[in-house]
PDB file of N, CA and C in Angstrom:
ATOM      1  N   VAL A   1      -0.944   7.962  51.826  1.00  0.00           N
ATOM      2  CA  VAL A   1       0.459   7.948  52.198  1.00  0.00           C
ATOM      3  C   VAL A   1       0.776   9.192  53.023  1.00  0.00           C
ATOM      4  N   GLN A   2       1.480   8.988  54.123  1.00  0.00           N
ATOM      5  CA  GLN A   2       1.910  10.130  54.946  1.00  0.00           C
ATOM      6  C   GLN A   2       3.377   9.974  55.312  1.00  0.00           C
ATOM      7  N   LEU A   3       4.085  11.085  55.209  1.00  0.00           N
ATOM      8  CA  LEU A   3       5.465  11.151  55.671  1.00  0.00           C
ATOM      9  C   LEU A   3       5.508  12.243  56.725  1.00  0.00           C
ATOM     10  N   GLN A   4       5.634  11.852  57.977  1.00  0.00           N
ATOM     11  CA  GLN A   4       5.564  12.790  59.090  1.00  0.00           C
ATOM     12  C   GLN A   4       6.971  13.093  59.591  1.00  0.00           C
ATOM     13  N   ALA A   5       7.434  14.307  59.299  1.00  0.00           N
ATOM     14  CA  ALA A   5       8.780  14.704  59.719  1.00  0.00           C
ATOM     15  C   ALA A   5       8.733  15.382  61.076  1.00  0.00           C
ATOM     16  N   SER A   6       9.755  15.152  61.869  1.00  0.00           N
ATOM     17  CA  SER A   6       9.848  15.784  63.188  1.00  0.00           C
ATOM     18  C   SER A   6      11.311  15.965  63.555  1.00  0.00           C
ATOM     19  N   GLY A   7      11.550  16.748  64.609  1.00  0.00           N
ATOM     20  CA  GLY A   7      12.899  16.905  65.125  1.00  0.00           C
ATOM     21  C   GLY A   7      13.552  18.230  64.823  1.00  0.00           C
ATOM     22  N   GLY A   8      12.893  19.073  64.040  1.00  0.00           N
ATOM     23  CA  GLY A   8      13.459  20.375  63.753  1.00  0.00           C
ATOM     24  C   GLY A   8      13.445  21.274  64.976  1.00  0.00           C
ATOM     25  N   GLY A   9      14.128  22.406  64.852  1.00  0.00           N
ATOM     26  CA  GLY A   9      14.155  23.341  65.961  1.00  0.00           C
ATOM     27  C   GLY A   9      15.250  24.362  65.781  1.00  0.00           C
ATOM     28  N   LEU A  10      15.517  25.080  66.855  1.00  0.00           N
ATOM     29  CA  LEU A  10      16.545  26.114  66.872  1.00  0.00           C
ATOM     30  C   LEU A  10      17.782  25.584  67.584  1.00  0.00           C
ATOM     31  N   VAL A  11      18.931  25.752  66.956  1.00  0.00           N
ATOM     32  CA  VAL A  11      20.174  25.260  67.529  1.00  0.00           C
ATOM     33  C   VAL A  11      21.283  26.252  67.188  1.00  0.00           C
ATOM     34  N   GLN A  12      22.282  26.329  68.051  1.00  0.00           N
ATOM     35  CA  GLN A  12      23.417  27.194  67.776  1.00  0.00           C
ATOM     36  C   GLN A  12      24.374  26.523  66.794  1.00  0.00           C
ATOM     37  N   ALA A  13      25.110  27.340  66.085  1.00  0.00           N
ATOM     38  CA  ALA A  13      26.110  26.821  65.160  1.00  0.00           C
ATOM     39  C   ALA A  13      27.065  25.889  65.907  1.00  0.00           C
ATOM     40  N   GLY A  14      27.379  24.775  65.260  1.00  0.00           N
ATOM     41  CA  GLY A  14      28.212  23.754  65.873  1.00  0.00           C
ATOM     42  C   GLY A  14      27.431  22.677  66.590  1.00  0.00           C
ATOM     43  N   GLY A  15      26.151  22.903  66.770  1.00  0.00           N
ATOM     44  CA  GLY A  15      25.304  21.945  67.469  1.00  0.00           C
ATOM     45  C   GLY A  15      24.800  20.846  66.565  1.00  0.00           C
ATOM     46  N   SER A  16      23.919  20.013  67.132  1.00  0.00           N
ATOM     47  CA  SER A  16      23.397  18.852  66.420  1.00  0.00           C
ATOM     48  C   SER A  16      21.882  18.784  66.549  1.00  0.00           C
ATOM     49  N   LEU A  17      21.273  18.193  65.559  1.00  0.00           N
ATOM     50  CA  LEU A  17      19.846  17.857  65.577  1.00  0.00           C
ATOM     51  C   LEU A  17      19.664  16.517  64.885  1.00  0.00           C
ATOM     52  N   ARG A  18      18.611  15.832  65.246  1.00  0.00           N
ATOM     53  CA  ARG A  18      18.275  14.573  64.598  1.00  0.00           C
ATOM     54  C   ARG A  18      16.840  14.656  64.081  1.00  0.00           C
ATOM     55  N   LEU A  19      16.695  14.584  62.789  1.00  0.00           N
ATOM     56  CA  LEU A  19      15.364  14.584  62.177  1.00  0.00           C
ATOM     57  C   LEU A  19      14.889  13.151  62.005  1.00  0.00           C
ATOM     58  N   SER A  20      13.584  12.972  62.122  1.00  0.00           N
ATOM     59  CA  SER A  20      12.991  11.666  61.920  1.00  0.00           C
ATOM     60  C   SER A  20      11.794  11.795  60.987  1.00  0.00           C
ATOM     61  N   CYS A  21      11.597  10.789  60.172  1.00  0.00           N
ATOM     62  CA  CYS A  21      10.458  10.739  59.259  1.00  0.00           C
ATOM     63  C   CYS A  21       9.756   9.414  59.465  1.00  0.00           C
ATOM     64  N   ALA A  22       8.500   9.482  59.863  1.00  0.00           N
ATOM     65  CA  ALA A  22       7.684   8.285  60.038  1.00  0.00           C
ATOM     66  C   ALA A  22       6.776   8.140  58.831  1.00  0.00           C
ATOM     67  N   ALA A  23       6.900   7.019  58.138  1.00  0.00           N
ATOM     68  CA  ALA A  23       6.119   6.781  56.928  1.00  0.00           C
ATOM     69  C   ALA A  23       4.950   5.851  57.220  1.00  0.00           C
ATOM     70  N   SER A  24       3.816   6.168  56.637  1.00  0.00           N
ATOM     71  CA  SER A  24       2.656   5.281  56.720  1.00  0.00           C
ATOM     72  C   SER A  24       2.016   5.193  55.343  1.00  0.00           C
ATOM     73  N   GLY A  25       1.437   4.041  55.075  1.00  0.00           N
ATOM     74  CA  GLY A  25       0.784   3.838  53.784  1.00  0.00           C
ATOM     75  C   GLY A  25       1.703   3.319  52.704  1.00  0.00           C
ATOM     76  N   ILE A  26       2.981   3.130  53.028  1.00  0.00           N
ATOM     77  CA  ILE A  26       3.925   2.546  52.086  1.00  0.00           C
ATOM     78  C   ILE A  26       4.764   1.501  52.812  1.00  0.00           C
ATOM     79  N   THR A  27       5.341   0.604  52.044  1.00  0.00           N
ATOM     80  CA  THR A  27       6.310  -0.356  52.574  1.00  0.00           C
ATOM     81  C   THR A  27       7.684   0.217  52.321  1.00  0.00           C
ATOM     82  N   LEU A  28       8.330   0.655  53.398  1.00  0.00           N
ATOM     83  CA  LEU A  28       9.547   1.451  53.257  1.00  0.00           C
ATOM     84  C   LEU A  28      10.621   0.745  52.436  1.00  0.00           C
ATOM     85  N   SER A  29      10.695  -0.565  52.549  1.00  0.00           N
ATOM     86  CA  SER A  29      11.753  -1.308  51.868  1.00  0.00           C
ATOM     87  C   SER A  29      11.650  -1.196  50.348  1.00  0.00           C
ATOM     88  N   MET A  30      10.505  -0.771  49.840  1.00  0.00           N
ATOM     89  CA  MET A  30      10.306  -0.649  48.404  1.00  0.00           C
ATOM     90  C   MET A  30      10.598   0.763  47.895  1.00  0.00           C
ATOM     91  N   TYR A  31      11.108   1.611  48.785  1.00  0.00           N
ATOM     92  CA  TYR A  31      11.309   3.013  48.437  1.00  0.00           C
ATOM     93  C   TYR A  31      12.733   3.479  48.706  1.00  0.00           C
ATOM     94  N   ILE A  32      13.202   4.336  47.820  1.00  0.00           N
ATOM     95  CA  ILE A  32      14.372   5.158  48.096  1.00  0.00           C
ATOM     96  C   ILE A  32      13.877   6.319  48.950  1.00  0.00           C
ATOM     97  N   MET A  33      14.533   6.549  50.063  1.00  0.00           N
ATOM     98  CA  MET A  33      14.119   7.596  50.986  1.00  0.00           C
ATOM     99  C   MET A  33      15.148   8.720  51.008  1.00  0.00           C
ATOM    100  N   GLY A  34      14.678   9.896  51.352  1.00  0.00           N
ATOM    101  CA  GLY A  34      15.626  10.997  51.381  1.00  0.00           C
ATOM    102  C   GLY A  34      15.124  12.213  52.122  1.00  0.00           C
ATOM    103  N   TRP A  35      16.011  13.180  52.188  1.00  0.00           N
ATOM    104  CA  TRP A  35      15.710  14.482  52.775  1.00  0.00           C
ATOM    105  C   TRP A  35      16.119  15.564  51.772  1.00  0.00           C
ATOM    106  N   TYR A  36      15.232  16.514  51.604  1.00  0.00           N
ATOM    107  CA  TYR A  36      15.522  17.717  50.832  1.00  0.00           C
ATOM    108  C   TYR A  36      15.348  18.907  51.771  1.00  0.00           C
ATOM    109  N   ARG A  37      15.854  20.055  51.348  1.00  0.00           N
ATOM    110  CA  ARG A  37      15.659  21.260  52.154  1.00  0.00           C
ATOM    111  C   ARG A  37      15.449  22.462  51.239  1.00  0.00           C
ATOM    112  N   GLN A  38      14.762  23.447  51.798  1.00  0.00           N
ATOM    113  CA  GLN A  38      14.516  24.680  51.057  1.00  0.00           C
ATOM    114  C   GLN A  38      14.687  25.857  51.992  1.00  0.00           C
ATOM    115  N   ALA A  39      15.679  26.671  51.674  1.00  0.00           N
ATOM    116  CA  ALA A  39      15.917  27.890  52.434  1.00  0.00           C
ATOM    117  C   ALA A  39      15.090  29.025  51.836  1.00  0.00           C
ATOM    118  N   PRO A  40      14.802  30.067  52.602  1.00  0.00           N
ATOM    119  CA  PRO A  40      14.024  31.194  52.071  1.00  0.00           C
ATOM    120  C   PRO A  40      14.682  31.775  50.833  1.00  0.00           C
ATOM    121  N   GLY A  41      13.876  31.929  49.777  1.00  0.00           N
ATOM    122  CA  GLY A  41      14.383  32.514  48.549  1.00  0.00           C
ATOM    123  C   GLY A  41      15.210  31.589  47.693  1.00  0.00           C
ATOM    124  N   SER A  42      15.293  30.327  48.086  1.00  0.00           N
ATOM    125  CA  SER A  42      16.107  29.369  47.346  1.00  0.00           C
ATOM    126  C   SER A  42      15.262  28.210  46.843  1.00  0.00           C
ATOM    127  N   GLN A  43      15.814  27.484  45.886  1.00  0.00           N
ATOM    128  CA  GLN A  43      15.133  26.289  45.397  1.00  0.00           C
ATOM    129  C   GLN A  43      15.346  25.130  46.359  1.00  0.00           C
ATOM    130  N   ARG A  44      14.442  24.193  46.298  1.00  0.00           N
ATOM    131  CA  ARG A  44      14.583  22.984  47.100  1.00  0.00           C
ATOM    132  C   ARG A  44      15.782  22.194  46.576  1.00  0.00           C
ATOM    133  N   GLU A  45      16.591  21.687  47.503  1.00  0.00           N
ATOM    134  CA  GLU A  45      17.784  20.949  47.109  1.00  0.00           C
ATOM    135  C   GLU A  45      17.878  19.642  47.874  1.00  0.00           C
ATOM    136  N   LEU A  46      18.547  18.697  47.230  1.00  0.00           N
ATOM    137  CA  LEU A  46      18.777  17.405  47.864  1.00  0.00           C
ATOM    138  C   LEU A  46      19.752  17.552  49.022  1.00  0.00           C
ATOM    139  N   VAL A  47      19.426  16.906  50.130  1.00  0.00           N
ATOM    140  CA  VAL A  47      20.350  16.816  51.260  1.00  0.00           C
ATOM    141  C   VAL A  47      21.002  15.440  51.266  1.00  0.00           C
ATOM    142  N   ALA A  48      20.173  14.394  51.272  1.00  0.00           N
ATOM    143  CA  ALA A  48      20.702  13.031  51.328  1.00  0.00           C
ATOM    144  C   ALA A  48      19.645  12.048  50.850  1.00  0.00           C
ATOM    145  N   LEU A  49      20.105  10.956  50.254  1.00  0.00           N
ATOM    146  CA  LEU A  49      19.246   9.858  49.838  1.00  0.00           C
ATOM    147  C   LEU A  49      19.805   8.563  50.390  1.00  0.00           C
ATOM    148  N   ILE A  50      18.898   7.612  50.645  1.00  0.00           N
ATOM    149  CA  ILE A  50      19.334   6.278  51.051  1.00  0.00           C
ATOM    150  C   ILE A  50      18.481   5.248  50.332  1.00  0.00           C
ATOM    151  N   ASP A  51      19.137   4.320  49.680  1.00  0.00           N
ATOM    152  CA  ASP A  51      18.468   3.254  48.947  1.00  0.00           C
ATOM    153  C   ASP A  51      18.296   2.059  49.887  1.00  0.00           C
ATOM    154  N   ASN A  52      17.738   0.991  49.364  1.00  0.00           N
ATOM    155  CA  ASN A  52      17.562  -0.224  50.141  1.00  0.00           C
ATOM    156  C   ASN A  52      18.079  -1.412  49.337  1.00  0.00           C
ATOM    157  N   PRO A  53      19.185  -2.066  49.729  1.00  0.00           N
ATOM    158  CA  PRO A  53      19.941  -1.770  50.959  1.00  0.00           C
ATOM    159  C   PRO A  53      20.604  -0.403  50.921  1.00  0.00           C
ATOM    160  N   GLY A  54      21.259  -0.013  52.008  1.00  0.00           N
ATOM    161  CA  GLY A  54      21.533   1.373  52.317  1.00  0.00           C
ATOM    162  C   GLY A  54      22.621   2.110  51.587  1.00  0.00           C
ATOM    163  N   GLY A  55      22.659   2.090  50.267  1.00  0.00           N
ATOM    164  CA  GLY A  55      23.549   2.978  49.548  1.00  0.00           C
ATOM    165  C   GLY A  55      23.113   4.417  49.756  1.00  0.00           C
ATOM    166  N   THR A  56      24.061   5.325  49.972  1.00  0.00           N
ATOM    167  CA  THR A  56      23.724   6.707  50.308  1.00  0.00           C
ATOM    168  C   THR A  56      24.331   7.711  49.335  1.00  0.00           C
ATOM    169  N   THR A  57      23.661   8.844  49.234  1.00  0.00           N
ATOM    170  CA  THR A  57      24.134   9.982  48.445  1.00  0.00           C
ATOM    171  C   THR A  57      23.952  11.221  49.283  1.00  0.00           C
ATOM    172  N   TYR A  58      24.963  12.097  49.271  1.00  0.00           N
ATOM    173  CA  TYR A  58      24.897  13.322  50.066  1.00  0.00           C
ATOM    174  C   TYR A  58      25.211  14.535  49.200  1.00  0.00           C
ATOM    175  N   ASN A  59      24.557  15.628  49.510  1.00  0.00           N
ATOM    176  CA  ASN A  59      24.949  16.929  48.974  1.00  0.00           C
ATOM    177  C   ASN A  59      26.365  17.206  49.488  1.00  0.00           C
ATOM    178  N   ASP A  60      27.208  17.730  48.617  1.00  0.00           N
ATOM    179  CA  ASP A  60      28.598  17.995  49.015  1.00  0.00           C
ATOM    180  C   ASP A  60      28.675  18.886  50.251  1.00  0.00           C
ATOM    181  N   SER A  61      27.702  19.780  50.411  1.00  0.00           N
ATOM    182  CA  SER A  61      27.764  20.737  51.519  1.00  0.00           C
ATOM    183  C   SER A  61      27.501  20.101  52.878  1.00  0.00           C
ATOM    184  N   VAL A  62      26.953  18.883  52.908  1.00  0.00           N
ATOM    185  CA  VAL A  62      26.658  18.226  54.192  1.00  0.00           C
ATOM    186  C   VAL A  62      27.468  16.957  54.393  1.00  0.00           C
ATOM    187  N   ALA A  63      28.159  16.500  53.350  1.00  0.00           N
ATOM    188  CA  ALA A  63      28.929  15.257  53.463  1.00  0.00           C
ATOM    189  C   ALA A  63      29.939  15.376  54.602  1.00  0.00           C
ATOM    190  N   GLY A  64      29.986  14.334  55.429  1.00  0.00           N
ATOM    191  CA  GLY A  64      30.883  14.327  56.574  1.00  0.00           C
ATOM    192  C   GLY A  64      30.280  14.923  57.831  1.00  0.00           C
ATOM    193  N   ARG A  65      29.171  15.631  57.691  1.00  0.00           N
ATOM    194  CA  ARG A  65      28.499  16.225  58.856  1.00  0.00           C
ATOM    195  C   ARG A  65      27.137  15.582  59.114  1.00  0.00           C
ATOM    196  N   PHE A  66      26.454  15.186  58.053  1.00  0.00           N
ATOM    197  CA  PHE A  66      25.117  14.597  58.157  1.00  0.00           C
ATOM    198  C   PHE A  66      25.195  13.104  57.840  1.00  0.00           C
ATOM    199  N   THR A  67      24.325  12.338  58.495  1.00  0.00           N
ATOM    200  CA  THR A  67      24.225  10.904  58.233  1.00  0.00           C
ATOM    201  C   THR A  67      22.761  10.510  58.112  1.00  0.00           C
ATOM    202  N   ILE A  68      22.423   9.877  56.993  1.00  0.00           N
ATOM    203  CA  ILE A  68      21.058   9.391  56.800  1.00  0.00           C
ATOM    204  C   ILE A  68      21.020   7.904  57.103  1.00  0.00           C
ATOM    205  N   SER A  69      19.937   7.460  57.728  1.00  0.00           N
ATOM    206  CA  SER A  69      19.777   6.041  58.038  1.00  0.00           C
ATOM    207  C   SER A  69      18.304   5.682  57.928  1.00  0.00           C
ATOM    208  N   ARG A  70      18.030   4.388  57.857  1.00  0.00           N
ATOM    209  CA  ARG A  70      16.658   3.934  57.735  1.00  0.00           C
ATOM    210  C   ARG A  70      16.435   2.700  58.599  1.00  0.00           C
ATOM    211  N   ASP A  71      15.198   2.536  59.034  1.00  0.00           N
ATOM    212  CA  ASP A  71      14.785   1.352  59.773  1.00  0.00           C
ATOM    213  C   ASP A  71      13.509   0.854  59.101  1.00  0.00           C
ATOM    214  N   ASN A  72      13.662  -0.120  58.213  1.00  0.00           N
ATOM    215  CA  ASN A  72      12.510  -0.598  57.443  1.00  0.00           C
ATOM    216  C   ASN A  72      11.458  -1.241  58.350  1.00  0.00           C
ATOM    217  N   ALA A  73      11.894  -1.888  59.415  1.00  0.00           N
ATOM    218  CA  ALA A  73      10.955  -2.549  60.321  1.00  0.00           C
ATOM    219  C   ALA A  73      10.046  -1.538  61.012  1.00  0.00           C
ATOM    220  N   LYS A  74      10.606  -0.347  61.300  1.00  0.00           N
ATOM    221  CA  LYS A  74       9.823   0.693  61.972  1.00  0.00           C
ATOM    222  C   LYS A  74       9.250   1.711  60.991  1.00  0.00           C
ATOM    223  N   ASN A  75       9.550   1.539  59.707  1.00  0.00           N
ATOM    224  CA  ASN A  75       9.082   2.483  58.684  1.00  0.00           C
ATOM    225  C   ASN A  75       9.523   3.915  58.973  1.00  0.00           C
ATOM    226  N   THR A  76      10.768   4.065  59.366  1.00  0.00           N
ATOM    227  CA  THR A  76      11.288   5.390  59.688  1.00  0.00           C
ATOM    228  C   THR A  76      12.628   5.647  58.989  1.00  0.00           C
ATOM    229  N   VAL A  77      12.896   6.933  58.782  1.00  0.00           N
ATOM    230  CA  VAL A  77      14.158   7.401  58.228  1.00  0.00           C
ATOM    231  C   VAL A  77      14.656   8.529  59.126  1.00  0.00           C
ATOM    232  N   GLN A  78      15.948   8.546  59.381  1.00  0.00           N
ATOM    233  CA  GLN A  78      16.525   9.562  60.245  1.00  0.00           C
ATOM    234  C   GLN A  78      17.602  10.347  59.495  1.00  0.00           C
ATOM    235  N   LEU A  79      17.786  11.572  59.936  1.00  0.00           N
ATOM    236  CA  LEU A  79      18.892  12.385  59.446  1.00  0.00           C
ATOM    237  C   LEU A  79      19.603  12.975  60.663  1.00  0.00           C
ATOM    238  N   GLN A  80      20.780  12.465  60.955  1.00  0.00           N
ATOM    239  CA  GLN A  80      21.591  13.007  62.041  1.00  0.00           C
ATOM    240  C   GLN A  80      22.430  14.142  61.481  1.00  0.00           C
ATOM    241  N   MET A  81      22.263  15.313  62.053  1.00  0.00           N
ATOM    242  CA  MET A  81      22.946  16.509  61.557  1.00  0.00           C
ATOM    243  C   MET A  81      23.883  17.022  62.643  1.00  0.00           C
ATOM    244  N   ASN A  82      25.163  16.981  62.363  1.00  0.00           N
ATOM    245  CA  ASN A  82      26.181  17.453  63.306  1.00  0.00           C
ATOM    246  C   ASN A  82      26.910  18.664  62.752  1.00  0.00           C
ATOM    247  N   THR A  83      27.571  19.369  63.619  1.00  0.00           N
ATOM    248  CA  THR A  83      28.356  20.552  63.240  1.00  0.00           C
ATOM    249  C   THR A  83      27.528  21.468  62.343  1.00  0.00           C
ATOM    250  N   LEU A  84      26.346  21.788  62.806  1.00  0.00           N
ATOM    251  CA  LEU A  84      25.423  22.594  62.006  1.00  0.00           C
ATOM    252  C   LEU A  84      25.965  23.999  61.794  1.00  0.00           C
ATOM    253  N   LYS A  85      25.644  24.545  60.629  1.00  0.00           N
ATOM    254  CA  LYS A  85      26.078  25.877  60.229  1.00  0.00           C
ATOM    255  C   LYS A  85      24.849  26.743  59.962  1.00  0.00           C
ATOM    256  N   PRO A  86      24.981  28.055  60.060  1.00  0.00           N
ATOM    257  CA  PRO A  86      23.830  28.915  59.750  1.00  0.00           C
ATOM    258  C   PRO A  86      23.261  28.665  58.356  1.00  0.00           C
ATOM    259  N   GLU A  87      24.103  28.294  57.412  1.00  0.00           N
ATOM    260  CA  GLU A  87      23.623  28.030  56.048  1.00  0.00           C
ATOM    261  C   GLU A  87      22.826  26.734  55.934  1.00  0.00           C
ATOM    262  N   ASP A  88      22.760  25.964  56.993  1.00  0.00           N
ATOM    263  CA  ASP A  88      21.895  24.779  57.017  1.00  0.00           C
ATOM    264  C   ASP A  88      20.455  25.144  57.370  1.00  0.00           C
ATOM    265  N   THR A  89      20.216  26.390  57.718  1.00  0.00           N
ATOM    266  CA  THR A  89      18.865  26.840  58.051  1.00  0.00           C
ATOM    267  C   THR A  89      17.933  26.678  56.862  1.00  0.00           C
ATOM    268  N   ALA A  90      16.852  25.941  57.063  1.00  0.00           N
ATOM    269  CA  ALA A  90      15.918  25.653  55.973  1.00  0.00           C
ATOM    270  C   ALA A  90      14.748  24.845  56.527  1.00  0.00           C
ATOM    271  N   VAL A  91      13.744  24.687  55.697  1.00  0.00           N
ATOM    272  CA  VAL A  91      12.709  23.697  55.964  1.00  0.00           C
ATOM    273  C   VAL A  91      13.174  22.386  55.335  1.00  0.00           C
ATOM    274  N   TYR A  92      13.176  21.340  56.133  1.00  0.00           N
ATOM    275  CA  TYR A  92      13.630  20.025  55.686  1.00  0.00           C
ATOM    276  C   TYR A  92      12.430  19.132  55.405  1.00  0.00           C
ATOM    277  N   TYR A  93      12.453  18.511  54.232  1.00  0.00           N
ATOM    278  CA  TYR A  93      11.340  17.683  53.782  1.00  0.00           C
ATOM    279  C   TYR A  93      11.774  16.230  53.625  1.00  0.00           C
ATOM    280  N   CYS A  94      10.945  15.349  54.134  1.00  0.00           N
ATOM    281  CA  CYS A  94      11.143  13.925  53.921  1.00  0.00           C
ATOM    282  C   CYS A  94      10.590  13.557  52.534  1.00  0.00           C
ATOM    283  N   TYR A  95      11.236  12.595  51.888  1.00  0.00           N
ATOM    284  CA  TYR A  95      10.909  12.255  50.498  1.00  0.00           C
ATOM    285  C   TYR A  95      10.972  10.744  50.332  1.00  0.00           C
ATOM    286  N   ALA A  96      10.042  10.216  49.570  1.00  0.00           N
ATOM    287  CA  ALA A  96      10.021   8.781  49.273  1.00  0.00           C
ATOM    288  C   ALA A  96       9.782   8.585  47.792  1.00  0.00           C
ATOM    289  N   ARG A  97      10.630   7.807  47.148  1.00  0.00           N
ATOM    290  CA  ARG A  97      10.466   7.505  45.726  1.00  0.00           C
ATOM    291  C   ARG A  97      10.467   5.993  45.537  1.00  0.00           C
ATOM    292  N   SER A  98       9.417   5.505  44.874  1.00  0.00           N
ATOM    293  CA  SER A  98       9.301   4.071  44.645  1.00  0.00           C
ATOM    294  C   SER A  98      10.445   3.562  43.779  1.00  0.00           C
ATOM    295  N   ARG A  99      10.986   2.403  44.136  1.00  0.00           N
ATOM    296  CA  ARG A  99      12.037   1.767  43.341  1.00  0.00           C
ATOM    297  C   ARG A  99      11.465   1.030  42.135  1.00  0.00           C
ATOM    298  N   TYR A 100      10.147   0.857  42.088  1.00  0.00           N
ATOM    299  CA  TYR A 100       9.547  -0.002  41.069  1.00  0.00           C
ATOM    300  C   TYR A 100       8.476   0.694  40.243  1.00  0.00           C
ATOM    301  N   HIS A 101       7.978   1.814  40.737  1.00  0.00           N
ATOM    302  CA  HIS A 101       6.919   2.518  40.032  1.00  0.00           C
ATOM    303  C   HIS A 101       7.241   3.997  39.966  1.00  0.00           C
ATOM    304  N   ASN A 102       6.602   4.668  39.042  1.00  0.00           N
ATOM    305  CA  ASN A 102       6.832   6.101  38.851  1.00  0.00           C
ATOM    306  C   ASN A 102       5.966   6.887  39.838  1.00  0.00           C
ATOM    307  N   ARG A 103       6.360   6.877  41.106  1.00  0.00           N
ATOM    308  CA  ARG A 103       5.621   7.626  42.099  1.00  0.00           C
ATOM    309  C   ARG A 103       6.565   8.087  43.202  1.00  0.00           C
ATOM    310  N   ALA A 104       6.241   9.235  43.743  1.00  0.00           N
ATOM    311  CA  ALA A 104       7.049   9.818  44.807  1.00  0.00           C
ATOM    312  C   ALA A 104       6.148  10.618  45.737  1.00  0.00           C
ATOM    313  N   TYR A 105       6.605  10.770  46.976  1.00  0.00           N
ATOM    314  CA  TYR A 105       5.816  11.451  47.994  1.00  0.00           C
ATOM    315  C   TYR A 105       6.696  12.399  48.796  1.00  0.00           C
ATOM    316  N   TRP A 106       6.060  13.466  49.290  1.00  0.00           N
ATOM    317  CA  TRP A 106       6.740  14.450  50.124  1.00  0.00           C
ATOM    318  C   TRP A 106       6.046  14.553  51.469  1.00  0.00           C
ATOM    319  N   GLY A 107       6.845  14.793  52.503  1.00  0.00           N
ATOM    320  CA  GLY A 107       6.303  15.116  53.812  1.00  0.00           C
ATOM    321  C   GLY A 107       6.036  16.603  53.918  1.00  0.00           C
ATOM    322  N   GLN A 108       5.568  17.026  55.095  1.00  0.00           N
ATOM    323  CA  GLN A 108       5.119  18.397  55.253  1.00  0.00           C
ATOM    324  C   GLN A 108       6.241  19.358  55.622  1.00  0.00           C
ATOM    325  N   GLY A 109       7.393  18.887  55.986  1.00  0.00           N
ATOM    326  CA  GLY A 109       8.518  19.743  56.295  1.00  0.00           C
ATOM    327  C   GLY A 109       8.654  20.044  57.767  1.00  0.00           C
ATOM    328  N   THR A 110       9.894  20.198  58.189  1.00  0.00           N
ATOM    329  CA  THR A 110      10.190  20.604  59.560  1.00  0.00           C
ATOM    330  C   THR A 110      11.304  21.652  59.499  1.00  0.00           C
ATOM    331  N   LEU A 111      11.126  22.730  60.266  1.00  0.00           N
ATOM    332  CA  LEU A 111      12.030  23.865  60.184  1.00  0.00           C
ATOM    333  C   LEU A 111      13.252  23.663  61.070  1.00  0.00           C
ATOM    334  N   VAL A 112      14.419  23.867  60.460  1.00  0.00           N
ATOM    335  CA  VAL A 112      15.680  23.858  61.189  1.00  0.00           C
ATOM    336  C   VAL A 112      16.279  25.256  61.103  1.00  0.00           C
ATOM    337  N   THR A 113      16.555  25.841  62.255  1.00  0.00           N
ATOM    338  CA  THR A 113      17.152  27.170  62.302  1.00  0.00           C
ATOM    339  C   THR A 113      18.457  27.088  63.076  1.00  0.00           C
ATOM    340  N   VAL A 114      19.536  27.507  62.428  1.00  0.00           N
ATOM    341  CA  VAL A 114      20.853  27.475  63.059  1.00  0.00           C
ATOM    342  C   VAL A 114      21.315  28.908  63.269  1.00  0.00           C
ATOM    343  N   SER A 115      21.512  29.284  64.514  1.00  0.00           N
ATOM    344  CA  SER A 115      21.935  30.647  64.826  1.00  0.00           C
ATOM    345  C   SER A 115      23.453  30.729  64.921  1.00  0.00           C
ATOM    346  N   SER A 116      23.970  31.887  64.540  1.00  0.00           N
ATOM    347  CA  SER A 116      25.438  32.062  64.561  1.00  0.00           C
ATOM    348  C   SER A 116      25.924  32.594  65.903  1.00  0.00           C
TER     349      SER A 116
END
């Protein structure tokens, strides 16, 4: 199983980025997908989750600014991040949790840096 995250980078505060996660080795429709992030010196925290069909959950700090979506046919998950803030700076990890079995997977992470 591989979760390949991409789309991170350096952006100024108020800007936007779109993260993408390409999954292989799993059937995306059978998984709850999500994004977590970990800032330096902090614990990993949930950013957003999307079930199938697409019920969503967001961290209060990103609600209204970030949107998670999925494309089961393409085995991809996206995170559209708007109005970025310096406190959004972190490594963002793609996450997959089976809806039917006790198993979960993590991607390798992509760095998002928001400058003030």
